[in-house]
Amino acid sequence: MESTIDLKTLHAKIGELTLVNNFLSGAREGGTIAEHKAMIDRSHALPLGRQARELEISRGRIYYLPKPV
């Protein structure tokens, strides 16, 4: 049996993984949540939610700003 390969899907996945690898190129294992939050790049092509997932922080932490006391 021959399997058909959807090249558009494969190219899309390769592009997505390239964005993730590019984003994570400066990231290091471990670190605190604050360090991971500082790695979020709002101008990067990778969506913020995906950046949060790759850095293993909740999406809500990206938007949370502590109230001044």
Protein backbone atom coordinates (compact mmCIF):
# COMPACT_ATOMS: atom_id res chain seq x y z
CA MET A 1 0.00 0.00 0.00
CA GLU A 2 1.18 3.46 -0.82
CA SER A 3 0.72 6.17 1.73
CA THR A 4 -0.03 9.63 0.47
CA ILE A 5 1.84 12.48 2.06
CA ASP A 6 0.19 15.85 2.35
CA LEU A 7 3.08 18.20 1.61
CA LYS A 8 1.16 21.32 2.68
CA THR A 9 0.58 19.81 6.13
CA LEU A 10 4.21 18.75 6.42
CA HIS A 11 5.48 22.17 5.38
CA ALA A 12 3.14 23.85 7.86
CA LYS A 13 4.40 21.61 10.66
CA ILE A 14 8.03 22.26 9.69
CA GLY A 15 7.35 26.00 9.75
CA GLU A 16 5.67 25.75 13.15
CA LEU A 17 8.55 23.74 14.61
CA THR A 18 11.06 26.18 13.14
CA LEU A 19 9.28 29.04 14.93
CA VAL A 20 9.34 27.10 18.21
CA ASN A 21 13.03 26.24 17.84
CA ASN A 22 13.84 29.84 16.98
CA PHE A 23 11.92 31.07 20.01
CA LEU A 24 13.53 28.55 22.36
CA SER A 25 17.07 29.01 21.03
CA GLY A 26 17.95 31.31 23.95
CA ALA A 27 15.95 29.42 26.56
CA ARG A 28 17.68 27.22 29.06
CA GLU A 29 16.38 24.33 31.11
CA GLY A 30 15.09 25.09 34.58
CA GLY A 31 14.90 28.62 35.84
CA THR A 32 12.19 30.39 37.74
CA ILE A 33 8.76 31.35 36.53
CA ALA A 34 9.91 34.98 36.51
CA GLU A 35 12.81 34.07 34.21
CA HIS A 36 10.48 32.17 31.89
CA LYS A 37 8.02 35.06 31.90
CA ALA A 38 10.87 37.41 30.95
CA MET A 39 11.58 35.23 27.90
CA ILE A 40 8.14 35.99 26.38
CA ASP A 41 8.64 38.01 23.21
CA ARG A 42 5.49 39.85 22.18
CA SER A 43 6.98 40.74 18.78
CA HIS A 44 7.86 37.11 17.90
CA ALA A 45 5.82 35.34 15.21
CA LEU A 46 5.03 32.50 17.63
CA PRO A 47 1.69 33.23 19.35
CA LEU A 48 1.86 34.18 23.04
CA GLY A 49 -0.15 31.14 24.11
CA ARG A 50 2.27 28.83 22.32
CA GLN A 51 5.26 30.64 23.85
CA ALA A 52 3.75 30.12 27.31
CA ARG A 53 3.13 26.44 26.60
CA GLU A 54 6.70 25.92 25.37
CA LEU A 55 8.08 27.67 28.47
CA GLU A 56 5.71 25.62 30.66
CA ILE A 57 3.99 28.59 32.27
CA SER A 58 0.28 29.37 32.30
CA ARG A 59 -1.01 31.75 29.67
CA GLY A 60 -2.53 33.90 32.43
CA ARG A 61 0.94 34.62 33.85
CA ILE A 62 1.81 36.49 30.67
CA TYR A 63 -0.90 39.08 31.26
CA TYR A 64 -0.86 39.26 35.08
CA LEU A 65 0.51 42.47 36.57
CA PRO A 66 0.72 42.67 40.37
CA LYS A 67 -1.21 45.48 42.00
CA PRO A 68 0.96 48.12 43.64
CA VAL A 69 0.66 48.22 47.43
